[in-house]
Amino acid sequence: MPISKPFFAAVEGATCDGRTLERVHISQMAKNFNKQVRGARVNLEHIRGYSPTSDFRAYGDVEEVSEFEIQDGPLKGKLALQIKIDATDDMVALSKKRQKIYPSVEINPSFADTGEAYLMGLGMTDDPASLGVGILEFNAKCSGKGPLDGRKTSPECFFTAADTPITLEFEDDAPTGDAGKNFFFRITELLTGSHQRFSKENGELKQAVELIAKSQRELLDKTETFSALQAQNTELKGNVETLNKSLTELKEQLAGQDGNFSQRPPASGGNQQSNVVLADC
C-alpha cells in the first residue's frame, strides 16, 4: 500500500471535548509511538466498523509520527503533530475525490502504565465543524455524556479539532524526468503542500523562492545539456586520436620501405651486340 508524505494532523490547542492538546502531549506521542507496541488505524469519523465491507472499515495505518514546530504564519511557534500513513487503495481513492480531507487524531493522555500521551488512531472527516466548533459549542451548552464518547477507545481519550484540510500525497507520486524538473517540483511541493496552510503571510518569500527554483531548474537543464555535449566531445576526441594513430602508423610504414633504386637505361633500339644505334630521335 502507498505511504503518504508527512502531513500535519494536529496542532497544540483546543480539542473537540473542551480539553487542550498540550505541547508535551505532541512531544510524547512523537517519542512513544511504536507500531510494535500499539498500532493506530485510520478510519472515518472515528467510527470503527466491524465488517470489512462496511463504509466504516479501516482505511490504513499510521506509519510514522513526528513533531514539528511551525516557523511562520498565524500559528508560528506552535508545535504540530506530523504523521505519515500507510493508506489503503480506498483511502487513496477518497483523497483523489477530495472526500474525508480533515484529519483528527485520537489521543490517550496517559497510555497504559507509561503516564504519557499516545496516539490511538486517526479519523478522517468531511466537515471540520463535526469534530471542531460544533462539538465545542455542544459541550459548552450541555452536560453529561458528549456525542463522541461512544467512539473513544477509552473514556480518558480525546479527539483533536479537525479544522484544517489536507491533500494526501504519496512518496511514489514524484514525477519522473530530468533533474531540473524534479528540483522545481520539490520546491513547489514544499511551498504549496500541507505546510502552506501555516504560512499565509509569506507571499513575497514564496515568490522569491519560486524564482530561485525556476532559475535553478534552468541551470540544471543547461548542465545536463552541457554534459551531453561533453560526452559527444569525448567521443569525437577518441575518434580523432584513433585517426592520428592510424596516420602515424602509415607514415612509419612508408618510411621503412627501401628508397634505393636505379633508373632504367634509355632504349636506343640498337643491337646490344653490335652497339649500333638504329634510331636517333
Protein backbone atom coordinates (compact mmCIF):
# COMPACT_ATOMS: atom_id res chain seq x y z
CA MET A 1 0.00 0.00 0.00
CA PRO A 2 1.24 3.55 -0.69
CA ILE A 3 2.95 5.51 2.08
CA SER A 4 1.84 9.13 2.35
CA LYS A 5 4.14 12.07 2.64
CA PRO A 6 4.11 13.72 6.10
CA PHE A 7 1.14 15.97 6.87
CA PHE A 8 0.04 17.93 9.92
CA ALA A 9 -2.68 16.05 11.78
CA ALA A 10 -2.93 18.20 14.93
CA VAL A 11 -1.63 21.42 16.44
CA GLU A 12 -1.40 22.22 20.13
CA GLY A 13 -4.56 23.93 21.35
CA ALA A 14 -8.29 23.23 21.62
CA THR A 15 -9.81 19.77 21.24
CA CYS A 16 -13.30 18.53 20.46
CA ASP A 17 -14.37 17.98 24.06
CA GLY A 18 -13.11 21.23 25.53
CA ARG A 19 -9.78 19.89 26.73
CA THR A 20 -6.45 21.18 25.45
CA LEU A 21 -3.89 19.35 23.38
CA GLU A 22 -0.75 20.41 25.16
CA ARG A 23 2.69 20.78 23.68
CA VAL A 24 4.00 17.99 25.86
CA HIS A 25 1.31 15.64 24.51
CA ILE A 26 2.63 16.08 20.97
CA SER A 27 6.23 15.52 22.04
CA GLN A 28 5.24 12.40 23.96
CA MET A 29 3.23 10.96 21.07
CA ALA A 30 6.12 11.55 18.67
CA LYS A 31 8.51 9.88 21.10
CA ASN A 32 6.33 6.98 22.21
CA PHE A 33 4.57 5.84 19.05
CA ASN A 34 5.62 2.34 18.08
CA LYS A 35 3.61 0.03 15.83
CA GLN A 36 5.02 -2.95 17.72
CA VAL A 37 3.58 -1.61 21.00
CA ARG A 38 0.21 -0.47 19.66
CA GLY A 39 -0.72 0.42 16.12
CA ALA A 40 -3.05 3.27 15.21
CA ARG A 41 -5.60 2.70 12.44
CA VAL A 42 -7.12 5.21 10.05
CA ASN A 43 -10.92 5.30 10.00
CA LEU A 44 -13.80 7.60 9.06
CA GLU A 45 -15.33 9.90 11.67
CA HIS A 46 -13.57 7.90 14.43
CA ILE A 47 -16.09 5.09 13.87
CA ARG A 48 -14.65 1.58 13.99
CA GLY A 49 -16.76 -0.71 11.84
CA TYR A 50 -16.79 -4.46 12.48
CA SER A 51 -17.33 -5.55 8.89
CA PRO A 52 -14.54 -5.31 6.29
CA THR A 53 -17.21 -4.36 3.74
CA SER A 54 -18.64 -1.53 5.84
CA ASP A 55 -18.13 2.09 4.84
CA PHE A 56 -16.59 2.48 8.28
CA ARG A 57 -13.91 -0.17 7.82
CA ALA A 58 -10.24 0.70 8.36
CA TYR A 59 -8.60 2.80 5.66
CA GLY A 60 -4.97 2.32 6.60
CA ASP A 61 -2.49 2.56 9.44
CA VAL A 62 -0.33 5.26 10.94
CA GLU A 63 3.20 4.59 9.73
CA GLU A 64 5.24 7.33 11.37
CA VAL A 65 4.74 10.11 13.92
CA SER A 66 6.93 13.16 14.49
CA GLU A 67 6.75 16.67 15.93
CA PHE A 68 7.31 19.90 14.02
CA GLU A 69 7.45 23.48 15.30
CA ILE A 70 5.71 25.84 12.89
CA GLN A 71 8.14 28.50 11.74
CA ASP A 72 5.84 31.16 10.29
CA GLY A 73 2.25 32.17 9.67
CA PRO A 74 -0.55 32.69 12.20
CA LEU A 75 0.45 29.54 14.12
CA LYS A 76 4.14 30.40 14.34
CA GLY A 77 5.80 28.84 17.37
CA LYS A 78 3.12 26.21 17.94
CA LEU A 79 4.01 22.54 17.91
CA ALA A 80 2.31 20.31 15.34
CA LEU A 81 1.93 16.54 15.16
CA GLN A 82 3.17 15.29 11.80
CA ILE A 83 2.00 11.91 10.51
CA LYS A 84 2.68 9.52 7.64
CA ILE A 85 0.09 6.85 6.90
CA ASP A 86 0.11 3.54 5.06
CA ALA A 87 -3.12 4.08 3.14
CA THR A 88 -5.40 1.51 1.54
CA ASP A 89 -6.47 1.87 -2.07
CA ASP A 90 -9.88 3.03 -0.81
CA MET A 91 -8.24 5.86 1.15
CA VAL A 92 -6.27 6.90 -1.91
CA ALA A 93 -9.46 6.92 -3.97
CA LEU A 94 -11.27 9.06 -1.38
CA SER A 95 -8.39 11.52 -1.29
CA LYS A 96 -8.40 11.88 -5.07
CA LYS A 97 -12.13 12.64 -4.90
CA ARG A 98 -11.49 15.26 -2.16
CA GLN A 99 -13.54 13.27 0.34
CA LYS A 100 -12.70 12.96 4.05
CA ILE A 101 -9.90 15.52 3.92
CA TYR A 102 -9.92 16.76 7.52
CA PRO A 103 -7.72 14.75 9.92
CA SER A 104 -8.45 14.35 13.62
CA VAL A 105 -6.29 12.30 15.97
CA GLU A 106 -7.45 10.30 18.99
CA ILE A 107 -5.13 10.78 21.94
CA ASN A 108 -4.78 8.93 25.22
CA PRO A 109 -3.10 11.44 27.58
CA SER A 110 -1.97 8.66 29.94
CA PHE A 111 -1.41 5.46 28.00
CA ALA A 112 -1.12 2.12 29.83
CA ASP A 113 1.40 2.40 32.65
CA THR A 114 3.60 4.99 30.94
CA GLY A 115 1.76 8.03 32.24
CA GLU A 116 2.43 9.73 28.90
CA ALA A 117 0.37 10.55 25.82
CA TYR A 118 -0.03 8.06 22.98
CA LEU A 119 -1.61 8.24 19.53
CA MET A 120 -4.57 5.83 19.45
CA GLY A 121 -5.98 6.46 15.98
CA LEU A 122 -6.62 8.86 13.11
CA GLY A 123 -10.11 9.82 11.97
CA MET A 124 -10.90 11.46 8.64
CA THR A 125 -13.96 13.68 8.23
CA ASP A 126 -15.51 15.98 5.64
CA ASP A 127 -16.84 18.65 7.95
CA PRO A 128 -14.47 20.31 10.43
CA ALA A 129 -17.46 21.51 12.42
CA SER A 130 -18.48 17.91 13.14
CA LEU A 131 -15.35 17.46 15.23
CA GLY A 132 -14.49 21.08 15.87
CA VAL A 133 -16.60 24.17 16.54
CA GLY A 134 -19.94 22.39 16.54
CA ILE A 135 -18.88 19.90 19.19
CA LEU A 136 -17.23 22.57 21.32
CA GLU A 137 -20.47 24.56 21.34
CA PHE A 138 -22.48 21.44 22.19
CA ASN A 139 -20.23 20.58 25.11
CA ALA A 140 -20.34 24.13 26.37
CA LYS A 141 -24.15 24.15 26.43
CA CYS A 142 -24.85 20.60 27.55
CA SER A 143 -23.75 18.47 30.43
CA GLY A 144 -23.28 14.75 30.75
CA LYS A 145 -22.06 12.46 28.05
CA GLY A 146 -20.58 14.03 24.91
CA PRO A 147 -21.69 12.94 21.44
CA LEU A 148 -18.26 11.47 20.67
CA ASP A 149 -17.82 9.45 23.85
CA GLY A 150 -19.06 6.26 22.19
CA ARG A 151 -16.32 6.50 19.57
CA LYS A 152 -13.41 6.70 22.02
CA THR A 153 -11.08 3.79 22.67
CA SER A 154 -11.29 4.57 26.39
CA PRO A 155 -13.06 7.34 28.38
CA GLU A 156 -9.87 9.31 29.03
CA CYS A 157 -9.12 9.66 25.31
CA PHE A 158 -9.96 12.84 23.43
CA PHE A 159 -10.12 13.99 19.82
CA THR A 160 -8.44 16.99 18.26
CA ALA A 161 -10.48 19.53 16.29
CA ALA A 162 -10.38 18.71 12.58
CA ASP A 163 -10.13 22.26 11.27
CA THR A 164 -7.50 22.02 8.54
CA PRO A 165 -7.95 20.03 5.30
CA ILE A 166 -5.11 18.02 3.83
CA THR A 167 -4.25 16.62 0.43
CA LEU A 168 -2.69 13.21 0.73
CA GLU A 169 0.47 12.97 -1.31
CA PHE A 170 2.37 9.73 -1.61
CA GLU A 171 6.09 9.05 -1.74
CA ASP A 172 5.93 7.42 -5.17
CA ASP A 173 3.96 10.31 -6.72
CA ALA A 174 7.01 12.40 -7.69
CA PRO A 175 7.15 12.83 -11.47
CA THR A 176 9.93 11.27 -13.49
CA GLY A 177 12.09 13.42 -15.75
CA ASP A 178 15.24 15.46 -15.71
CA ALA A 179 16.92 16.82 -12.61
CA GLY A 180 15.72 20.37 -13.26
CA LYS A 181 12.07 19.38 -13.30
CA ASN A 182 12.45 17.25 -10.18
CA PHE A 183 14.16 20.10 -8.33
CA PHE A 184 11.42 22.53 -9.35
CA PHE A 185 8.73 20.01 -8.33
CA ARG A 186 10.28 19.59 -4.88
CA ILE A 187 10.47 23.33 -4.20
CA THR A 188 6.91 23.87 -5.44
CA GLU A 189 5.70 20.97 -3.32
CA LEU A 190 7.21 22.49 -0.17
CA LEU A 191 5.51 25.81 -0.90
CA THR A 192 2.11 24.53 -1.96
CA GLY A 193 1.78 21.31 0.02
CA SER A 194 0.49 20.67 3.50
CA HIS A 195 2.84 23.21 5.12
CA GLN A 196 1.50 26.15 3.16
CA ARG A 197 -1.65 26.48 5.23
CA PHE A 198 0.51 27.61 8.15
CA SER A 199 2.37 30.19 6.06
CA LYS A 200 -0.23 32.58 4.65
CA GLU A 201 1.90 35.64 5.40
CA ASN A 202 4.94 34.65 3.37
CA GLY A 203 3.72 35.60 -0.11
CA GLU A 204 6.80 37.64 -1.01
CA LEU A 205 9.11 34.94 0.31
CA LYS A 206 7.21 32.34 -1.70
CA GLN A 207 7.61 34.35 -4.90
CA ALA A 208 11.32 34.80 -4.25
CA VAL A 209 11.90 31.11 -3.62
CA GLU A 210 9.85 30.15 -6.68
CA LEU A 211 12.00 32.49 -8.76
CA ILE A 212 15.13 30.83 -7.37
CA ALA A 213 13.65 27.41 -8.07
CA LYS A 214 12.93 28.33 -11.70
CA SER A 215 16.44 29.69 -12.20
CA GLN A 216 17.93 26.57 -10.66
CA ARG A 217 15.77 24.45 -12.93
CA GLU A 218 17.12 26.27 -15.98
CA LEU A 219 20.67 25.93 -14.67
CA LEU A 220 20.27 22.20 -14.07
CA ASP A 221 18.79 21.73 -17.54
CA LYS A 222 21.73 23.61 -19.09
CA THR A 223 24.12 21.50 -17.04
CA GLU A 224 22.53 18.34 -18.40
CA THR A 225 22.81 19.68 -21.96
CA PHE A 226 26.46 20.54 -21.36
CA SER A 227 27.08 17.04 -20.00
CA ALA A 228 25.59 15.55 -23.17
CA LEU A 229 27.78 17.78 -25.36
CA GLN A 230 30.78 16.89 -23.26
CA ALA A 231 30.10 13.20 -23.85
CA GLN A 232 29.87 13.82 -27.60
CA ASN A 233 33.13 15.80 -27.48
CA THR A 234 34.84 12.93 -25.66
CA GLU A 235 33.67 10.51 -28.34
CA LEU A 236 34.87 12.85 -31.12
CA LYS A 237 38.22 13.27 -29.38
CA GLY A 238 38.61 9.49 -29.26
CA ASN A 239 37.87 9.21 -32.98
CA VAL A 240 40.47 11.89 -33.81
CA GLU A 241 43.07 10.16 -31.66
CA THR A 242 42.38 6.87 -33.46
CA LEU A 243 42.75 8.60 -36.85
CA ASN A 244 46.02 10.24 -35.78
CA LYS A 245 47.34 6.91 -34.61
CA SER A 246 46.48 5.27 -37.94
CA LEU A 247 48.15 8.12 -39.86
CA THR A 248 51.29 7.84 -37.74
CA GLU A 249 51.46 4.10 -38.35
CA LEU A 250 51.09 4.66 -42.11
CA LYS A 251 53.91 7.22 -42.09
CA GLU A 252 56.15 4.84 -40.20
CA GLN A 253 55.33 2.05 -42.64
CA LEU A 254 56.19 4.21 -45.66
CA ALA A 255 59.36 5.49 -44.04
CA GLY A 256 60.56 1.92 -43.52
CA GLN A 257 60.37 0.97 -47.19
CA ASP A 258 63.67 0.80 -49.29
CA GLY A 259 64.18 4.04 -51.20
CA ASN A 260 67.31 2.96 -53.24
CA PHE A 261 66.66 2.19 -56.94
CA SER A 262 68.48 2.67 -60.30
CA GLN A 263 66.98 4.32 -63.35
CA ARG A 264 66.31 2.12 -66.37
CA PRO A 265 68.79 2.91 -69.20
CA PRO A 266 67.30 4.63 -72.24
CA ALA A 267 66.11 2.42 -75.09
CA SER A 268 68.00 3.18 -78.34
CA GLY A 269 66.54 0.44 -80.45
CA GLY A 270 70.06 -0.76 -81.35
CA ASN A 271 71.64 -4.16 -81.31
CA GLN A 272 73.28 -4.64 -77.98
CA GLN A 273 75.89 -6.90 -79.51
CA SER A 274 76.96 -4.50 -82.28
CA ASN A 275 76.30 -1.36 -80.29
CA VAL A 276 74.78 0.18 -83.41
CA VAL A 277 72.18 2.82 -82.75
CA LEU A 278 69.26 2.24 -85.07
CA ALA A 279 67.33 5.36 -84.19
CA ASP A 280 68.25 8.86 -83.26
CA CYS A 281 65.16 10.69 -82.29
